[in-house]
Amino acid sequence: MNAITPKEKVHLLLGNIRSVRQLKNYTQEYLAVKIGISPKTYRKLEHGAITLTLPYFLQIAEILDLEPMQLIEGHGIDSISLFH
């Protein structure tokens, strides 16, 4: 069994963020404004074109109303609360 690479882990994390954002009907523009960056920069973050820093990651988790580990591990993402 092959171990997952750090790059693959980041890709999974970004996919989890995207999935939750879409489940909550939040746009990339909405999250960008909430964390204080341009929509273009947010799109680059979510697509892995630029590095997702810890402060931004923590802000995104808070906006999505999830614990950071939920986004990292992906557990329970399909059953998140859609009330915001």
N, C-alpha and C. Protein backbone atom coordinates (compact mmCIF):
# COMPACT_ATOMS: atom_id res chain seq x y z
N MET A 1 0.85 -1.18 0.00
CA MET A 1 0.00 0.00 0.00
C MET A 1 0.89 1.24 0.00
N ASN A 2 0.64 2.15 -0.91
CA ASN A 2 1.42 3.37 -1.01
C ASN A 2 0.89 4.42 -0.06
N ALA A 3 1.81 5.12 0.58
CA ALA A 3 1.43 6.22 1.47
C ALA A 3 1.02 7.42 0.63
N ILE A 4 0.10 8.18 1.16
CA ILE A 4 -0.35 9.38 0.46
C ILE A 4 0.72 10.46 0.62
N THR A 5 0.99 11.16 -0.45
CA THR A 5 2.04 12.18 -0.43
C THR A 5 1.48 13.48 0.17
N PRO A 6 2.37 14.36 0.66
CA PRO A 6 1.89 15.65 1.17
C PRO A 6 1.10 16.43 0.12
N LYS A 7 1.54 16.38 -1.12
CA LYS A 7 0.83 17.09 -2.19
C LYS A 7 -0.58 16.54 -2.35
N GLU A 8 -0.73 15.23 -2.26
CA GLU A 8 -2.05 14.61 -2.36
C GLU A 8 -2.92 14.99 -1.15
N LYS A 9 -2.32 15.08 0.03
CA LYS A 9 -3.06 15.49 1.23
C LYS A 9 -3.60 16.90 1.07
N VAL A 10 -2.77 17.80 0.55
CA VAL A 10 -3.21 19.18 0.32
C VAL A 10 -4.36 19.19 -0.69
N HIS A 11 -4.24 18.41 -1.75
CA HIS A 11 -5.29 18.33 -2.76
C HIS A 11 -6.61 17.86 -2.12
N LEU A 12 -6.54 16.87 -1.26
CA LEU A 12 -7.74 16.38 -0.57
C LEU A 12 -8.33 17.45 0.35
N LEU A 13 -7.47 18.16 1.08
CA LEU A 13 -7.93 19.24 1.96
C LEU A 13 -8.65 20.31 1.16
N LEU A 14 -8.05 20.73 0.06
CA LEU A 14 -8.67 21.76 -0.77
C LEU A 14 -10.00 21.27 -1.35
N GLY A 15 -10.06 20.01 -1.69
CA GLY A 15 -11.32 19.43 -2.17
C GLY A 15 -12.38 19.43 -1.08
N ASN A 16 -11.97 19.16 0.15
CA ASN A 16 -12.92 19.19 1.28
C ASN A 16 -13.44 20.60 1.50
N ILE A 17 -12.55 21.57 1.43
CA ILE A 17 -12.97 22.97 1.58
C ILE A 17 -13.98 23.32 0.49
N ARG A 18 -13.67 22.98 -0.74
CA ARG A 18 -14.54 23.28 -1.88
C ARG A 18 -15.90 22.60 -1.69
N SER A 19 -15.90 21.34 -1.28
CA SER A 19 -17.15 20.59 -1.10
C SER A 19 -18.04 21.23 -0.05
N VAL A 20 -17.46 21.58 1.09
CA VAL A 20 -18.25 22.19 2.16
C VAL A 20 -18.75 23.56 1.72
N ARG A 21 -17.90 24.33 1.09
CA ARG A 21 -18.31 25.66 0.60
C ARG A 21 -19.51 25.52 -0.32
N GLN A 22 -19.46 24.57 -1.22
CA GLN A 22 -20.57 24.37 -2.16
C GLN A 22 -21.82 23.84 -1.46
N LEU A 23 -21.65 22.94 -0.50
CA LEU A 23 -22.81 22.43 0.26
C LEU A 23 -23.53 23.54 1.00
N LYS A 24 -22.75 24.52 1.47
CA LYS A 24 -23.33 25.64 2.21
C LYS A 24 -23.77 26.78 1.29
N ASN A 25 -23.62 26.56 -0.01
CA ASN A 25 -23.98 27.57 -1.01
C ASN A 25 -23.21 28.88 -0.83
N TYR A 26 -21.98 28.77 -0.40
CA TYR A 26 -21.10 29.94 -0.31
C TYR A 26 -20.31 30.03 -1.61
N THR A 27 -20.18 31.24 -2.11
CA THR A 27 -19.36 31.43 -3.31
C THR A 27 -17.90 31.64 -2.90
N GLN A 28 -17.03 31.47 -3.88
CA GLN A 28 -15.62 31.78 -3.64
C GLN A 28 -15.48 33.25 -3.28
N GLU A 29 -16.27 34.10 -3.91
CA GLU A 29 -16.21 35.53 -3.64
C GLU A 29 -16.59 35.84 -2.20
N TYR A 30 -17.61 35.13 -1.69
CA TYR A 30 -18.04 35.33 -0.30
C TYR A 30 -16.90 35.00 0.67
N LEU A 31 -16.28 33.83 0.49
CA LEU A 31 -15.18 33.47 1.37
C LEU A 31 -14.01 34.43 1.23
N ALA A 32 -13.74 34.87 0.02
CA ALA A 32 -12.64 35.82 -0.20
C ALA A 32 -12.86 37.09 0.62
N VAL A 33 -14.05 37.64 0.55
CA VAL A 33 -14.37 38.86 1.29
C VAL A 33 -14.24 38.61 2.79
N LYS A 34 -14.76 37.47 3.25
CA LYS A 34 -14.74 37.16 4.68
C LYS A 34 -13.32 37.02 5.23
N ILE A 35 -12.37 36.52 4.41
CA ILE A 35 -11.00 36.37 4.92
C ILE A 35 -10.09 37.50 4.47
N GLY A 36 -10.65 38.45 3.72
CA GLY A 36 -9.90 39.66 3.39
C GLY A 36 -8.93 39.55 2.24
N ILE A 37 -9.28 38.74 1.24
CA ILE A 37 -8.43 38.63 0.06
C ILE A 37 -9.30 38.81 -1.18
N SER A 38 -8.67 38.97 -2.32
CA SER A 38 -9.43 39.13 -3.57
C SER A 38 -10.02 37.79 -4.00
N PRO A 39 -11.12 37.83 -4.74
CA PRO A 39 -11.68 36.58 -5.26
C PRO A 39 -10.68 35.82 -6.12
N LYS A 40 -9.88 36.52 -6.88
CA LYS A 40 -8.87 35.86 -7.72
C LYS A 40 -7.87 35.09 -6.85
N THR A 41 -7.42 35.70 -5.76
CA THR A 41 -6.49 35.03 -4.86
C THR A 41 -7.16 33.83 -4.20
N TYR A 42 -8.42 33.99 -3.80
CA TYR A 42 -9.13 32.85 -3.19
C TYR A 42 -9.22 31.68 -4.16
N ARG A 43 -9.57 31.98 -5.42
CA ARG A 43 -9.66 30.91 -6.42
C ARG A 43 -8.33 30.18 -6.54
N LYS A 44 -7.24 30.94 -6.52
CA LYS A 44 -5.91 30.32 -6.60
C LYS A 44 -5.64 29.45 -5.37
N LEU A 45 -6.06 29.91 -4.19
CA LEU A 45 -5.90 29.11 -2.97
C LEU A 45 -6.66 27.80 -3.09
N GLU A 46 -7.92 27.89 -3.47
CA GLU A 46 -8.77 26.71 -3.51
C GLU A 46 -8.33 25.72 -4.58
N HIS A 47 -7.68 26.20 -5.61
CA HIS A 47 -7.21 25.31 -6.68
C HIS A 47 -5.76 24.89 -6.50
N GLY A 48 -5.13 25.34 -5.41
CA GLY A 48 -3.77 24.90 -5.11
C GLY A 48 -2.68 25.62 -5.89
N ALA A 49 -3.04 26.70 -6.58
CA ALA A 49 -2.04 27.45 -7.36
C ALA A 49 -1.13 28.27 -6.46
N ILE A 50 -1.64 28.64 -5.28
CA ILE A 50 -0.81 29.31 -4.27
C ILE A 50 -1.05 28.60 -2.94
N THR A 51 -0.11 28.75 -2.04
CA THR A 51 -0.15 28.03 -0.77
C THR A 51 -1.23 28.55 0.16
N LEU A 52 -2.00 27.62 0.70
CA LEU A 52 -2.99 27.94 1.73
C LEU A 52 -2.25 28.05 3.06
N THR A 53 -2.19 29.26 3.60
CA THR A 53 -1.48 29.47 4.86
C THR A 53 -2.37 29.05 6.03
N LEU A 54 -1.74 28.80 7.15
CA LEU A 54 -2.48 28.39 8.35
C LEU A 54 -3.51 29.44 8.77
N PRO A 55 -3.16 30.73 8.82
CA PRO A 55 -4.19 31.71 9.20
C PRO A 55 -5.42 31.69 8.29
N TYR A 56 -5.20 31.59 6.97
CA TYR A 56 -6.34 31.52 6.06
C TYR A 56 -7.12 30.24 6.26
N PHE A 57 -6.42 29.14 6.45
CA PHE A 57 -7.09 27.86 6.68
C PHE A 57 -7.98 27.92 7.92
N LEU A 58 -7.46 28.48 8.99
CA LEU A 58 -8.24 28.58 10.23
C LEU A 58 -9.45 29.49 10.05
N GLN A 59 -9.29 30.59 9.32
CA GLN A 59 -10.42 31.48 9.05
C GLN A 59 -11.48 30.77 8.21
N ILE A 60 -11.05 30.04 7.20
CA ILE A 60 -11.99 29.31 6.35
C ILE A 60 -12.76 28.28 7.17
N ALA A 61 -12.06 27.54 8.02
CA ALA A 61 -12.73 26.55 8.87
C ALA A 61 -13.78 27.22 9.75
N GLU A 62 -13.45 28.37 10.31
CA GLU A 62 -14.40 29.09 11.16
C GLU A 62 -15.61 29.55 10.36
N ILE A 63 -15.38 30.10 9.19
CA ILE A 63 -16.49 30.55 8.34
C ILE A 63 -17.39 29.39 7.96
N LEU A 64 -16.78 28.25 7.68
CA LEU A 64 -17.55 27.06 7.31
C LEU A 64 -18.16 26.36 8.52
N ASP A 65 -17.87 26.88 9.71
CA ASP A 65 -18.41 26.35 10.97
C ASP A 65 -17.99 24.90 11.19
N LEU A 66 -16.71 24.64 10.95
CA LEU A 66 -16.14 23.31 11.16
C LEU A 66 -14.85 23.42 11.95
N GLU A 67 -14.53 22.35 12.64
CA GLU A 67 -13.22 22.26 13.26
C GLU A 67 -12.19 22.02 12.16
N PRO A 68 -11.01 22.60 12.28
CA PRO A 68 -9.99 22.38 11.25
C PRO A 68 -9.75 20.91 10.93
N MET A 69 -9.75 20.06 11.95
CA MET A 69 -9.50 18.63 11.71
C MET A 69 -10.60 17.99 10.87
N GLN A 70 -11.82 18.50 10.94
CA GLN A 70 -12.88 17.96 10.09
C GLN A 70 -12.54 18.18 8.62
N LEU A 71 -11.99 19.34 8.31
CA LEU A 71 -11.60 19.62 6.93
C LEU A 71 -10.38 18.80 6.53
N ILE A 72 -9.46 18.63 7.44
CA ILE A 72 -8.25 17.86 7.13
C ILE A 72 -8.58 16.40 6.90
N GLU A 73 -9.36 15.83 7.80
CA GLU A 73 -9.68 14.40 7.73
C GLU A 73 -10.84 14.09 6.79
N GLY A 74 -11.72 15.06 6.61
CA GLY A 74 -12.87 14.85 5.73
C GLY A 74 -14.00 14.05 6.35
N HIS A 75 -13.91 13.76 7.65
CA HIS A 75 -14.94 12.96 8.31
C HIS A 75 -16.20 13.79 8.54
N GLY A 76 -17.33 13.27 8.13
CA GLY A 76 -18.60 13.91 8.40
C GLY A 76 -18.92 15.09 7.51
N ILE A 77 -18.13 15.33 6.49
CA ILE A 77 -18.38 16.48 5.62
C ILE A 77 -19.71 16.32 4.90
N ASP A 78 -20.06 15.11 4.55
CA ASP A 78 -21.32 14.90 3.83
C ASP A 78 -22.55 15.08 4.70
N SER A 79 -22.34 15.18 6.02
CA SER A 79 -23.49 15.35 6.92
C SER A 79 -23.41 16.64 7.71
N ILE A 80 -22.70 17.64 7.18
CA ILE A 80 -22.57 18.92 7.87
C ILE A 80 -23.89 19.64 7.95
N SER A 81 -23.99 20.53 8.89
CA SER A 81 -25.19 21.35 9.02
C SER A 81 -25.18 22.41 7.94
N LEU A 82 -26.30 22.52 7.24
CA LEU A 82 -26.39 23.52 6.18
C LEU A 82 -27.01 24.81 6.69
N PHE A 83 -27.24 24.90 7.99
CA PHE A 83 -27.81 26.12 8.56
C PHE A 83 -26.68 27.09 8.86
N HIS A 84 -26.83 28.30 8.38
CA HIS A 84 -25.81 29.33 8.64
C HIS A 84 -26.46 30.66 8.89
